[in-house]
Amino acid sequence: MKRVTLIPSHQMTLFGPRFTIYTKDGKSYTKQSTGREFMWDFNEGGAPYPRRLPGLPIRAPQFEDIIVTCRDLDRQDRADKLIQLTLKKE
């Protein structure tokens, strides 16, 4: 693997970059993303997220609270509620 440099462009969306991979045999493969690949809706069925992975340093109930808060973030009384939910609970 090699490091890559992301170069901003006025012609592409922020989350819609174009990737080109060059293989050792001289071929290249380019994929233009639209940005939609990084979006998902909490209310859509079958969305790949949110799923709590085993080994996360956060308890399941706290994780569920984070998901509910993210889904309803525009209805929260305080924006820092999400930050508070990410802090370690004793």
PDB file of N, CA and C in Angstrom:
ATOM      1  N   MET A   1       0.846  -1.179   0.000  1.00  0.00           N
ATOM      2  CA  MET A   1       0.000   0.000   0.000  1.00  0.00           C
ATOM      3  C   MET A   1       0.889   1.238   0.000  1.00  0.00           C
ATOM      4  N   LYS A   2       0.377   2.261  -0.616  1.00  0.00           N
ATOM      5  CA  LYS A   2       1.058   3.544  -0.620  1.00  0.00           C
ATOM      6  C   LYS A   2       0.093   4.603  -0.116  1.00  0.00           C
ATOM      7  N   ARG A   3       0.664   5.614   0.447  1.00  0.00           N
ATOM      8  CA  ARG A   3      -0.170   6.742   0.865  1.00  0.00           C
ATOM      9  C   ARG A   3      -0.698   7.451  -0.374  1.00  0.00           C
ATOM     10  N   VAL A   4      -1.843   8.071  -0.211  1.00  0.00           N
ATOM     11  CA  VAL A   4      -2.421   8.825  -1.317  1.00  0.00           C
ATOM     12  C   VAL A   4      -2.632  10.262  -0.872  1.00  0.00           C
ATOM     13  N   THR A   5      -2.731  11.127  -1.826  1.00  0.00           N
ATOM     14  CA  THR A   5      -3.021  12.530  -1.561  1.00  0.00           C
ATOM     15  C   THR A   5      -4.390  12.837  -2.141  1.00  0.00           C
ATOM     16  N   LEU A   6      -5.249  13.411  -1.335  1.00  0.00           N
ATOM     17  CA  LEU A   6      -6.560  13.833  -1.816  1.00  0.00           C
ATOM     18  C   LEU A   6      -6.448  15.292  -2.224  1.00  0.00           C
ATOM     19  N   ILE A   7      -6.805  15.554  -3.445  1.00  0.00           N
ATOM     20  CA  ILE A   7      -6.728  16.910  -3.983  1.00  0.00           C
ATOM     21  C   ILE A   7      -8.150  17.419  -4.198  1.00  0.00           C
ATOM     22  N   PRO A   8      -8.537  18.495  -3.501  1.00  0.00           N
ATOM     23  CA  PRO A   8      -9.893  19.005  -3.668  1.00  0.00           C
ATOM     24  C   PRO A   8     -10.128  19.515  -5.090  1.00  0.00           C
ATOM     25  N   SER A   9     -11.377  19.429  -5.489  1.00  0.00           N
ATOM     26  CA  SER A   9     -11.742  19.883  -6.821  1.00  0.00           C
ATOM     27  C   SER A   9     -13.067  20.625  -6.751  1.00  0.00           C
ATOM     28  N   HIS A  10     -13.180  21.667  -7.521  1.00  0.00           N
ATOM     29  CA  HIS A  10     -14.448  22.411  -7.573  1.00  0.00           C
ATOM     30  C   HIS A  10     -15.480  21.674  -8.417  1.00  0.00           C
ATOM     31  N   GLN A  11     -15.058  20.645  -9.131  1.00  0.00           N
ATOM     32  CA  GLN A  11     -15.967  19.911 -10.004  1.00  0.00           C
ATOM     33  C   GLN A  11     -16.548  18.665  -9.358  1.00  0.00           C
ATOM     34  N   MET A  12     -16.059  18.295  -8.172  1.00  0.00           N
ATOM     35  CA  MET A  12     -16.558  17.098  -7.498  1.00  0.00           C
ATOM     36  C   MET A  12     -17.058  17.475  -6.110  1.00  0.00           C
ATOM     37  N   THR A  13     -17.985  16.678  -5.604  1.00  0.00           N
ATOM     38  CA  THR A  13     -18.488  16.917  -4.256  1.00  0.00           C
ATOM     39  C   THR A  13     -17.417  16.546  -3.251  1.00  0.00           C
ATOM     40  N   LEU A  14     -17.546  17.061  -2.043  1.00  0.00           N
ATOM     41  CA  LEU A  14     -16.568  16.795  -0.994  1.00  0.00           C
ATOM     42  C   LEU A  14     -16.455  15.301  -0.701  1.00  0.00           C
ATOM     43  N   PHE A  15     -17.571  14.616  -0.650  1.00  0.00           N
ATOM     44  CA  PHE A  15     -17.561  13.189  -0.343  1.00  0.00           C
ATOM     45  C   PHE A  15     -17.754  12.345  -1.593  1.00  0.00           C
ATOM     46  N   GLY A  16     -17.417  12.886  -2.743  1.00  0.00           N
ATOM     47  CA  GLY A  16     -17.535  12.161  -3.996  1.00  0.00           C
ATOM     48  C   GLY A  16     -16.239  12.149  -4.765  1.00  0.00           C
ATOM     49  N   PRO A  17     -15.176  11.629  -4.173  1.00  0.00           N
ATOM     50  CA  PRO A  17     -13.885  11.676  -4.861  1.00  0.00           C
ATOM     51  C   PRO A  17     -13.772  10.653  -5.992  1.00  0.00           C
ATOM     52  N   ARG A  18     -12.776  10.840  -6.816  1.00  0.00           N
ATOM     53  CA  ARG A  18     -12.435   9.870  -7.856  1.00  0.00           C
ATOM     54  C   ARG A  18     -11.171   9.155  -7.400  1.00  0.00           C
ATOM     55  N   PHE A  19     -11.212   7.834  -7.414  1.00  0.00           N
ATOM     56  CA  PHE A  19     -10.072   7.023  -7.009  1.00  0.00           C
ATOM     57  C   PHE A  19      -9.505   6.316  -8.226  1.00  0.00           C
ATOM     58  N   THR A  20      -8.201   6.313  -8.338  1.00  0.00           N
ATOM     59  CA  THR A  20      -7.535   5.512  -9.365  1.00  0.00           C
ATOM     60  C   THR A  20      -6.503   4.642  -8.672  1.00  0.00           C
ATOM     61  N   ILE A  21      -6.581   3.355  -8.939  1.00  0.00           N
ATOM     62  CA  ILE A  21      -5.638   2.398  -8.369  1.00  0.00           C
ATOM     63  C   ILE A  21      -4.784   1.864  -9.503  1.00  0.00           C
ATOM     64  N   TYR A  22      -3.480   1.906  -9.299  1.00  0.00           N
ATOM     65  CA  TYR A  22      -2.530   1.408 -10.283  1.00  0.00           C
ATOM     66  C   TYR A  22      -1.959   0.094  -9.769  1.00  0.00           C
ATOM     67  N   THR A  23      -2.062  -0.953 -10.558  1.00  0.00           N
ATOM     68  CA  THR A  23      -1.547  -2.255 -10.154  1.00  0.00           C
ATOM     69  C   THR A  23      -0.140  -2.467 -10.703  1.00  0.00           C
ATOM     70  N   LYS A  24       0.538  -3.466 -10.146  1.00  0.00           N
ATOM     71  CA  LYS A  24       1.922  -3.734 -10.541  1.00  0.00           C
ATOM     72  C   LYS A  24       2.052  -4.142 -12.006  1.00  0.00           C
ATOM     73  N   ASP A  25       0.990  -4.675 -12.586  1.00  0.00           N
ATOM     74  CA  ASP A  25       1.058  -5.099 -13.992  1.00  0.00           C
ATOM     75  C   ASP A  25       0.795  -3.949 -14.968  1.00  0.00           C
ATOM     76  N   GLY A  26       0.719  -2.713 -14.446  1.00  0.00           N
ATOM     77  CA  GLY A  26       0.571  -1.546 -15.305  1.00  0.00           C
ATOM     78  C   GLY A  26      -0.861  -1.130 -15.580  1.00  0.00           C
ATOM     79  N   LYS A  27      -1.833  -1.877 -15.104  1.00  0.00           N
ATOM     80  CA  LYS A  27      -3.241  -1.522 -15.321  1.00  0.00           C
ATOM     81  C   LYS A  27      -3.677  -0.498 -14.272  1.00  0.00           C
ATOM     82  N   SER A  28      -4.718   0.223 -14.599  1.00  0.00           N
ATOM     83  CA  SER A  28      -5.291   1.160 -13.641  1.00  0.00           C
ATOM     84  C   SER A  28      -6.803   1.000 -13.619  1.00  0.00           C
ATOM     85  N   TYR A  29      -7.370   1.234 -12.483  1.00  0.00           N
ATOM     86  CA  TYR A  29      -8.814   1.117 -12.276  1.00  0.00           C
ATOM     87  C   TYR A  29      -9.290   2.400 -11.608  1.00  0.00           C
ATOM     88  N   THR A  30     -10.276   3.046 -12.216  1.00  0.00           N
ATOM     89  CA  THR A  30     -10.792   4.308 -11.694  1.00  0.00           C
ATOM     90  C   THR A  30     -12.250   4.142 -11.301  1.00  0.00           C
ATOM     91  N   LYS A  31     -12.592   4.694 -10.172  1.00  0.00           N
ATOM     92  CA  LYS A  31     -13.974   4.681  -9.691  1.00  0.00           C
ATOM     93  C   LYS A  31     -14.331   6.084  -9.256  1.00  0.00           C
ATOM     94  N   GLN A  32     -15.401   6.630  -9.805  1.00  0.00           N
ATOM     95  CA  GLN A  32     -15.898   7.948  -9.422  1.00  0.00           C
ATOM     96  C   GLN A  32     -17.070   7.729  -8.478  1.00  0.00           C
ATOM     97  N   SER A  33     -16.947   8.204  -7.259  1.00  0.00           N
ATOM     98  CA  SER A  33     -18.066   8.074  -6.326  1.00  0.00           C
ATOM     99  C   SER A  33     -18.922   9.339  -6.397  1.00  0.00           C
ATOM    100  N   THR A  34     -20.146   9.207  -5.954  1.00  0.00           N
ATOM    101  CA  THR A  34     -21.085  10.326  -6.012  1.00  0.00           C
ATOM    102  C   THR A  34     -21.226  11.040  -4.677  1.00  0.00           C
ATOM    103  N   GLY A  35     -20.792  10.376  -3.620  1.00  0.00           N
ATOM    104  CA  GLY A  35     -21.003  10.895  -2.280  1.00  0.00           C
ATOM    105  C   GLY A  35     -22.158  10.187  -1.597  1.00  0.00           C
ATOM    106  N   ARG A  36     -23.059   9.633  -2.385  1.00  0.00           N
ATOM    107  CA  ARG A  36     -24.198   8.897  -1.824  1.00  0.00           C
ATOM    108  C   ARG A  36     -23.741   7.621  -1.117  1.00  0.00           C
ATOM    109  N   GLU A  37     -22.559   7.133  -1.464  1.00  0.00           N
ATOM    110  CA  GLU A  37     -22.053   5.909  -0.846  1.00  0.00           C
ATOM    111  C   GLU A  37     -21.818   6.092   0.648  1.00  0.00           C
ATOM    112  N   PHE A  38     -21.638   7.336   1.077  1.00  0.00           N
ATOM    113  CA  PHE A  38     -21.329   7.619   2.471  1.00  0.00           C
ATOM    114  C   PHE A  38     -22.548   8.074   3.263  1.00  0.00           C
ATOM    115  N   MET A  39     -23.712   8.066   2.633  1.00  0.00           N
ATOM    116  CA  MET A  39     -24.932   8.519   3.294  1.00  0.00           C
ATOM    117  C   MET A  39     -25.833   7.344   3.619  1.00  0.00           C
ATOM    118  N   TRP A  40     -26.509   7.435   4.722  1.00  0.00           N
ATOM    119  CA  TRP A  40     -27.513   6.449   5.065  1.00  0.00           C
ATOM    120  C   TRP A  40     -28.540   7.113   5.952  1.00  0.00           C
ATOM    121  N   ASP A  41     -29.683   6.503   6.008  1.00  0.00           N
ATOM    122  CA  ASP A  41     -30.818   7.056   6.726  1.00  0.00           C
ATOM    123  C   ASP A  41     -31.127   6.151   7.909  1.00  0.00           C
ATOM    124  N   PHE A  42     -31.252   6.725   9.091  1.00  0.00           N
ATOM    125  CA  PHE A  42     -31.562   5.928  10.279  1.00  0.00           C
ATOM    126  C   PHE A  42     -32.890   5.202  10.149  1.00  0.00           C
ATOM    127  N   ASN A  43     -33.800   5.739   9.362  1.00  0.00           N
ATOM    128  CA  ASN A  43     -35.126   5.153   9.272  1.00  0.00           C
ATOM    129  C   ASN A  43     -35.273   4.135   8.147  1.00  0.00           C
ATOM    130  N   GLU A  44     -34.262   4.040   7.273  1.00  0.00           N
ATOM    131  CA  GLU A  44     -34.346   3.057   6.195  1.00  0.00           C
ATOM    132  C   GLU A  44     -34.117   1.663   6.751  1.00  0.00           C
ATOM    133  N   GLY A  45     -34.904   0.752   6.313  1.00  0.00           N
ATOM    134  CA  GLY A  45     -34.690  -0.635   6.715  1.00  0.00           C
ATOM    135  C   GLY A  45     -33.493  -1.214   5.983  1.00  0.00           C
ATOM    136  N   GLY A  46     -32.745  -2.062   6.672  1.00  0.00           N
ATOM    137  CA  GLY A  46     -31.627  -2.736   6.035  1.00  0.00           C
ATOM    138  C   GLY A  46     -30.392  -1.899   5.843  1.00  0.00           C
ATOM    139  N   ALA A  47     -30.330  -0.730   6.472  1.00  0.00           N
ATOM    140  CA  ALA A  47     -29.124   0.095   6.346  1.00  0.00           C
ATOM    141  C   ALA A  47     -27.947  -0.642   6.974  1.00  0.00           C
ATOM    142  N   PRO A  48     -26.757  -0.528   6.403  1.00  0.00           N
ATOM    143  CA  PRO A  48     -25.615  -1.250   6.940  1.00  0.00           C
ATOM    144  C   PRO A  48     -25.175  -0.771   8.319  1.00  0.00           C
ATOM    145  N   TYR A  49     -25.595   0.402   8.707  1.00  0.00           N
ATOM    146  CA  TYR A  49     -25.298   0.942  10.020  1.00  0.00           C
ATOM    147  C   TYR A  49     -26.613   1.305  10.655  1.00  0.00           C
ATOM    148  N   PRO A  50     -26.773   1.433  11.860  1.00  0.00           N
ATOM    149  CA  PRO A  50     -25.778   1.281  12.906  1.00  0.00           C
ATOM    150  C   PRO A  50     -25.753  -0.144  13.453  1.00  0.00           C
ATOM    151  N   ARG A  51     -24.587  -0.676  13.582  1.00  0.00           N
ATOM    152  CA  ARG A  51     -24.394  -1.966  14.221  1.00  0.00           C
ATOM    153  C   ARG A  51     -23.237  -1.828  15.198  1.00  0.00           C
ATOM    154  N   ARG A  52     -23.445  -2.293  16.383  1.00  0.00           N
ATOM    155  CA  ARG A  52     -22.376  -2.247  17.388  1.00  0.00           C
ATOM    156  C   ARG A  52     -21.505  -3.474  17.179  1.00  0.00           C
ATOM    157  N   LEU A  53     -20.237  -3.244  16.948  1.00  0.00           N
ATOM    158  CA  LEU A  53     -19.300  -4.332  16.732  1.00  0.00           C
ATOM    159  C   LEU A  53     -18.761  -4.833  18.065  1.00  0.00           C
ATOM    160  N   PRO A  54     -18.542  -6.140  18.167  1.00  0.00           N
ATOM    161  CA  PRO A  54     -17.951  -6.669  19.408  1.00  0.00           C
ATOM    162  C   PRO A  54     -16.576  -6.041  19.646  1.00  0.00           C
ATOM    163  N   GLY A  55     -16.276  -5.785  20.882  1.00  0.00           N
ATOM    164  CA  GLY A  55     -14.970  -5.235  21.214  1.00  0.00           C
ATOM    165  C   GLY A  55     -14.935  -3.720  21.289  1.00  0.00           C
ATOM    166  N   LEU A  56     -16.032  -3.049  20.929  1.00  0.00           N
ATOM    167  CA  LEU A  56     -16.051  -1.589  21.055  1.00  0.00           C
ATOM    168  C   LEU A  56     -15.982  -1.214  22.534  1.00  0.00           C
ATOM    169  N   PRO A  57     -15.219  -0.190  22.874  1.00  0.00           N
ATOM    170  CA  PRO A  57     -15.108   0.190  24.280  1.00  0.00           C
ATOM    171  C   PRO A  57     -16.291   1.033  24.750  1.00  0.00           C
ATOM    172  N   ILE A  58     -17.473   0.575  24.425  1.00  0.00           N
ATOM    173  CA  ILE A  58     -18.693   1.282  24.814  1.00  0.00           C
ATOM    174  C   ILE A  58     -19.779   0.235  25.053  1.00  0.00           C
ATOM    175  N   ARG A  59     -20.512   0.417  26.112  1.00  0.00           N
ATOM    176  CA  ARG A  59     -21.570  -0.551  26.442  1.00  0.00           C
ATOM    177  C   ARG A  59     -22.728  -0.435  25.457  1.00  0.00           C
ATOM    178  N   ALA A  60     -23.428  -1.529  25.267  1.00  0.00           N
ATOM    179  CA  ALA A  60     -24.537  -1.569  24.303  1.00  0.00           C
ATOM    180  C   ALA A  60     -25.611  -0.520  24.581  1.00  0.00           C
ATOM    181  N   PRO A  61     -26.069  -0.338  25.839  1.00  0.00           N
ATOM    182  CA  PRO A  61     -27.101   0.692  26.072  1.00  0.00           C
ATOM    183  C   PRO A  61     -26.635   2.106  25.708  1.00  0.00           C
ATOM    184  N   GLN A  62     -25.372   2.406  26.002  1.00  0.00           N
ATOM    185  CA  GLN A  62     -24.827   3.720  25.657  1.00  0.00           C
ATOM    186  C   GLN A  62     -24.763   3.883  24.142  1.00  0.00           C
ATOM    187  N   PHE A  63     -24.384   2.828  23.444  1.00  0.00           N
ATOM    188  CA  PHE A  63     -24.339   2.862  21.978  1.00  0.00           C
ATOM    189  C   PHE A  63     -25.730   3.121  21.416  1.00  0.00           C
ATOM    190  N   GLU A  64     -26.714   2.441  21.955  1.00  0.00           N
ATOM    191  CA  GLU A  64     -28.095   2.638  21.483  1.00  0.00           C
ATOM    192  C   GLU A  64     -28.559   4.074  21.730  1.00  0.00           C
ATOM    193  N   ASP A  65     -28.172   4.661  22.868  1.00  0.00           N
ATOM    194  CA  ASP A  65     -28.522   6.059  23.150  1.00  0.00           C
ATOM    195  C   ASP A  65     -27.884   6.997  22.117  1.00  0.00           C
ATOM    196  N   ILE A  66     -26.649   6.700  21.722  1.00  0.00           N
ATOM    197  CA  ILE A  66     -25.971   7.512  20.710  1.00  0.00           C
ATOM    198  C   ILE A  66     -26.734   7.438  19.393  1.00  0.00           C
ATOM    199  N   ILE A  67     -27.155   6.238  19.003  1.00  0.00           N
ATOM    200  CA  ILE A  67     -27.890   6.063  17.746  1.00  0.00           C
ATOM    201  C   ILE A  67     -29.211   6.831  17.773  1.00  0.00           C
ATOM    202  N   VAL A  68     -29.936   6.727  18.872  1.00  0.00           N
ATOM    203  CA  VAL A  68     -31.222   7.436  18.991  1.00  0.00           C
ATOM    204  C   VAL A  68     -30.999   8.946  18.947  1.00  0.00           C
ATOM    205  N   THR A  69     -29.973   9.431  19.627  1.00  0.00           N
ATOM    206  CA  THR A  69     -29.676  10.867  19.646  1.00  0.00           C
ATOM    207  C   THR A  69     -29.279  11.356  18.260  1.00  0.00           C
ATOM    208  N   CYS A  70     -28.460  10.580  17.551  1.00  0.00           N
ATOM    209  CA  CYS A  70     -28.083  10.965  16.178  1.00  0.00           C
ATOM    210  C   CYS A  70     -29.308  11.030  15.274  1.00  0.00           C
ATOM    211  N   ARG A  71     -30.182  10.051  15.402  1.00  0.00           N
ATOM    212  CA  ARG A  71     -31.370  10.013  14.553  1.00  0.00           C
ATOM    213  C   ARG A  71     -32.252  11.241  14.785  1.00  0.00           C
ATOM    214  N   ASP A  72     -32.326  11.686  16.023  1.00  0.00           N
ATOM    215  CA  ASP A  72     -33.203  12.807  16.369  1.00  0.00           C
ATOM    216  C   ASP A  72     -32.409  14.054  16.765  1.00  0.00           C
ATOM    217  N   LEU A  73     -31.228  14.225  16.215  1.00  0.00           N
ATOM    218  CA  LEU A  73     -30.353  15.320  16.625  1.00  0.00           C
ATOM    219  C   LEU A  73     -30.996  16.688  16.452  1.00  0.00           C
ATOM    220  N   ASP A  74     -31.771  16.849  15.404  1.00  0.00           N
ATOM    221  CA  ASP A  74     -32.409  18.159  15.184  1.00  0.00           C
ATOM    222  C   ASP A  74     -33.507  18.450  16.199  1.00  0.00           C
ATOM    223  N   ARG A  75     -33.905  17.468  16.979  1.00  0.00           N
ATOM    224  CA  ARG A  75     -34.951  17.664  17.987  1.00  0.00           C
ATOM    225  C   ARG A  75     -34.403  17.728  19.406  1.00  0.00           C
ATOM    226  N   GLN A  76     -33.087  17.657  19.556  1.00  0.00           N
ATOM    227  CA  GLN A  76     -32.476  17.674  20.891  1.00  0.00           C
ATOM    228  C   GLN A  76     -32.492  19.083  21.468  1.00  0.00           C
ATOM    229  N   ASP A  77     -32.631  19.162  22.789  1.00  0.00           N
ATOM    230  CA  ASP A  77     -32.605  20.461  23.465  1.00  0.00           C
ATOM    231  C   ASP A  77     -31.220  21.091  23.406  1.00  0.00           C
ATOM    232  N   ARG A  78     -30.191  20.237  23.500  1.00  0.00           N
ATOM    233  CA  ARG A  78     -28.817  20.729  23.521  1.00  0.00           C
ATOM    234  C   ARG A  78     -27.971  19.913  22.547  1.00  0.00           C
ATOM    235  N   ALA A  79     -27.141  20.603  21.783  1.00  0.00           N
ATOM    236  CA  ALA A  79     -26.288  19.924  20.808  1.00  0.00           C
ATOM    237  C   ALA A  79     -25.195  19.103  21.474  1.00  0.00           C
ATOM    238  N   ASP A  80     -24.800  19.477  22.693  1.00  0.00           N
ATOM    239  CA  ASP A  80     -23.724  18.740  23.344  1.00  0.00           C
ATOM    240  C   ASP A  80     -24.172  17.407  23.945  1.00  0.00           C
ATOM    241  N   LYS A  81     -25.440  17.065  23.810  1.00  0.00           N
ATOM    242  CA  LYS A  81     -25.909  15.775  24.313  1.00  0.00           C
ATOM    243  C   LYS A  81     -25.153  14.631  23.634  1.00  0.00           C
ATOM    244  N   LEU A  82     -24.933  14.754  22.356  1.00  0.00           N
ATOM    245  CA  LEU A  82     -24.211  13.712  21.628  1.00  0.00           C
ATOM    246  C   LEU A  82     -22.782  13.572  22.146  1.00  0.00           C
ATOM    247  N   ILE A  83     -22.136  14.674  22.424  1.00  0.00           N
ATOM    248  CA  ILE A  83     -20.770  14.628  22.966  1.00  0.00           C
ATOM    249  C   ILE A  83     -20.780  13.939  24.326  1.00  0.00           C
ATOM    250  N   GLN A  84     -21.726  14.295  25.167  1.00  0.00           N
ATOM    251  CA  GLN A  84     -21.810  13.670  26.487  1.00  0.00           C
ATOM    252  C   GLN A  84     -21.993  12.152  26.395  1.00  0.00           C
ATOM    253  N   LEU A  85     -22.728  11.706  25.399  1.00  0.00           N
ATOM    254  CA  LEU A  85     -22.966  10.268  25.239  1.00  0.00           C
ATOM    255  C   LEU A  85     -21.720   9.509  24.773  1.00  0.00           C
ATOM    256  N   THR A  86     -20.760  10.216  24.219  1.00  0.00           N
ATOM    257  CA  THR A  86     -19.552   9.535  23.759  1.00  0.00           C
ATOM    258  C   THR A  86     -18.496   9.412  24.853  1.00  0.00           C
ATOM    259  N   LEU A  87     -18.714  10.068  25.986  1.00  0.00           N
ATOM    260  CA  LEU A  87     -17.760  10.006  27.077  1.00  0.00           C
ATOM    261  C   LEU A  87     -17.902   8.696  27.837  1.00  0.00           C
ATOM    262  N   LYS A  88     -16.786   8.236  28.371  1.00  0.00           N
ATOM    263  CA  LYS A  88     -16.776   6.980  29.113  1.00  0.00           C
ATOM    264  C   LYS A  88     -17.665   7.082  30.349  1.00  0.00           C
ATOM    265  N   LYS A  89     -18.473   6.069  30.542  1.00  0.00           N
ATOM    266  CA  LYS A  89     -19.355   5.991  31.702  1.00  0.00           C
ATOM    267  C   LYS A  89     -18.708   5.086  32.738  1.00  0.00           C
ATOM    268  N   GLU A  90     -18.781   5.491  33.977  1.00  0.00           N
ATOM    269  CA  GLU A  90     -18.190   4.690  35.063  1.00  0.00           C
ATOM    270  C   GLU A  90     -19.218   3.756  35.647  1.00  0.00           C
TER     271      GLU A  90
END
